[in-house]
Amino acid sequence: MEDRKQGYKVREYHGPVKRYCQMLSLKDDPALVAEYRKRHSEGRIWPETLAAIREVGILEMEIYILGTNLFMIVETPLDFDWDTAMARMATLPRQAEWEEYMSVFQQAEPGASSAEKWQLMDRMFHLYE
């Protein structure tokens, strides 16, 4: 595991990209949180899920955790349309199954869509011009 105090390397792109940030809360159960982390470890995410993320045009996706709070960063090309991409991703192979597989850990209503669980966040500060 990388050391959070050393920072995390990020991919370099040849031009600007868009960034989306989302949050989600997990159920407050250490065993569930541990299993959620395990299911997101390298080699454990279903190949169809990774393929769907790439197929809709997402360049990078990262999830960070603090306690039961998840923070996701998604980087995309400038012409990326969030609603169109998420609607398309929901139709791709095994995506509904993946959502159900993860739902046991998440604080959300049964049958909630990814968009209902993962809430887009507002940016309130940035340093660069």
Protein backbone atom coordinates (compact mmCIF):
# COMPACT_ATOMS: atom_id res chain seq x y z
CA MET A 1 0.00 0.00 0.00
CA GLU A 2 1.25 3.48 -0.81
CA ASP A 3 2.05 5.86 2.03
CA ARG A 4 -0.52 8.67 2.09
CA LYS A 5 2.03 11.08 3.58
CA GLN A 6 4.25 10.59 0.53
CA GLY A 7 1.42 11.51 -1.83
CA TYR A 8 0.08 9.63 -4.83
CA LYS A 9 1.48 9.84 -8.32
CA VAL A 10 -1.01 10.95 -10.95
CA ARG A 11 -1.09 10.33 -14.65
CA GLU A 12 0.14 13.09 -16.94
CA TYR A 13 -2.08 14.03 -19.86
CA HIS A 14 -1.21 15.95 -23.01
CA GLY A 15 -3.65 18.76 -22.38
CA PRO A 16 -6.32 19.70 -19.87
CA VAL A 17 -8.91 17.27 -18.54
CA LYS A 18 -12.07 17.60 -16.47
CA ARG A 19 -12.31 16.30 -12.93
CA TYR A 20 -15.45 15.13 -11.17
CA CYS A 21 -15.54 14.43 -7.43
CA GLN A 22 -18.09 12.31 -5.62
CA MET A 23 -18.71 11.02 -2.13
CA LEU A 24 -20.47 8.03 -0.65
CA SER A 25 -20.88 6.75 2.90
CA LEU A 26 -20.37 3.14 3.88
CA LYS A 27 -22.23 1.39 6.66
CA ASP A 28 -20.52 1.86 10.02
CA ASP A 29 -19.30 -1.70 10.43
CA PRO A 30 -15.53 -2.36 10.47
CA ALA A 31 -15.95 -5.85 8.96
CA LEU A 32 -18.00 -4.47 6.06
CA VAL A 33 -15.51 -1.65 5.47
CA ALA A 34 -12.65 -4.16 5.44
CA GLU A 35 -14.48 -6.35 2.92
CA TYR A 36 -15.33 -3.32 0.75
CA ARG A 37 -11.64 -2.40 0.67
CA LYS A 38 -10.75 -5.99 -0.20
CA ARG A 39 -13.22 -6.06 -3.10
CA HIS A 40 -11.60 -2.90 -4.50
CA SER A 41 -8.02 -4.15 -4.18
CA GLU A 42 -5.89 -4.80 -7.25
CA GLY A 43 -7.07 -7.81 -9.20
CA ARG A 44 -10.43 -8.04 -7.40
CA ILE A 45 -12.52 -5.60 -9.47
CA TRP A 46 -14.34 -7.43 -12.22
CA PRO A 47 -12.79 -7.01 -15.70
CA GLU A 48 -16.20 -6.00 -17.08
CA THR A 49 -16.40 -3.16 -14.56
CA LEU A 50 -12.97 -1.83 -15.49
CA ALA A 51 -13.79 -2.17 -19.20
CA ALA A 52 -17.06 -0.24 -18.75
CA ILE A 53 -15.28 2.61 -16.98
CA ARG A 54 -12.84 2.92 -19.85
CA GLU A 55 -15.47 2.39 -22.55
CA VAL A 56 -17.50 5.44 -21.51
CA GLY A 57 -14.40 7.63 -21.75
CA ILE A 58 -13.14 7.86 -18.18
CA LEU A 59 -9.36 8.38 -18.17
CA GLU A 60 -8.75 7.81 -14.47
CA MET A 61 -10.80 6.93 -11.43
CA GLU A 62 -9.52 6.91 -7.86
CA ILE A 63 -11.34 6.18 -4.60
CA TYR A 64 -10.03 7.39 -1.24
CA ILE A 65 -11.36 6.35 2.16
CA LEU A 66 -11.44 7.87 5.63
CA GLY A 67 -13.44 5.87 8.14
CA THR A 68 -16.74 5.20 6.39
CA ASN A 69 -16.47 8.10 3.95
CA LEU A 70 -15.45 7.47 0.35
CA PHE A 71 -14.20 10.18 -1.98
CA MET A 72 -13.95 9.43 -5.70
CA ILE A 73 -12.00 11.44 -8.27
CA VAL A 74 -12.85 10.90 -11.94
CA GLU A 75 -10.78 12.47 -14.73
CA THR A 76 -12.19 12.71 -18.24
CA PRO A 77 -11.63 14.43 -21.58
CA LEU A 78 -12.99 17.97 -21.85
CA ASP A 79 -15.87 16.87 -24.12
CA PHE A 80 -17.10 14.24 -21.63
CA ASP A 81 -20.80 14.40 -20.74
CA TRP A 82 -21.39 12.97 -17.27
CA ASP A 83 -25.09 12.11 -17.60
CA THR A 84 -24.68 10.46 -21.00
CA ALA A 85 -21.67 8.43 -19.88
CA MET A 86 -23.26 7.25 -16.63
CA ALA A 87 -26.47 6.26 -18.43
CA ARG A 88 -24.43 4.28 -20.94
CA MET A 89 -22.27 2.64 -18.30
CA ALA A 90 -25.38 1.39 -16.48
CA THR A 91 -26.29 -0.64 -19.60
CA LEU A 92 -22.90 -2.32 -20.04
CA PRO A 93 -22.24 -5.96 -19.08
CA ARG A 94 -22.43 -6.80 -15.37
CA GLN A 95 -22.80 -3.18 -14.19
CA ALA A 96 -26.16 -3.75 -12.49
CA GLU A 97 -24.69 -6.88 -10.92
CA TRP A 98 -21.62 -4.93 -9.68
CA GLU A 99 -23.87 -2.25 -8.15
CA GLU A 100 -25.83 -4.94 -6.32
CA TYR A 101 -22.59 -6.67 -5.24
CA MET A 102 -21.36 -3.41 -3.66
CA SER A 103 -24.70 -2.24 -2.24
CA VAL A 104 -24.47 -4.35 0.93
CA PHE A 105 -21.67 -2.04 2.14
CA GLN A 106 -23.18 1.30 1.16
CA GLN A 107 -25.53 3.58 3.08
CA ALA A 108 -28.24 3.74 0.43
CA GLU A 109 -31.75 2.57 -0.26
CA PRO A 110 -32.05 -0.95 -1.72
CA GLY A 111 -31.94 -0.82 -5.51
CA ALA A 112 -30.44 2.69 -5.58
CA SER A 113 -28.57 3.56 -8.75
CA SER A 114 -24.92 4.51 -8.76
CA ALA A 115 -25.94 8.15 -9.30
CA GLU A 116 -28.19 8.00 -6.24
CA LYS A 117 -25.42 6.54 -4.08
CA TRP A 118 -22.40 8.49 -5.33
CA GLN A 119 -23.13 12.21 -4.86
CA LEU A 120 -21.35 14.72 -7.09
CA MET A 121 -19.54 17.36 -5.03
CA ASP A 122 -19.17 21.08 -5.64
CA ARG A 123 -15.67 22.50 -5.93
CA MET A 124 -15.33 25.40 -3.52
CA PHE A 125 -11.63 26.23 -3.95
CA HIS A 126 -8.78 25.80 -6.39
CA LEU A 127 -5.28 27.28 -6.40
CA TYR A 128 -4.43 27.46 -10.09
CA GLU A 129 -5.80 30.06 -12.49
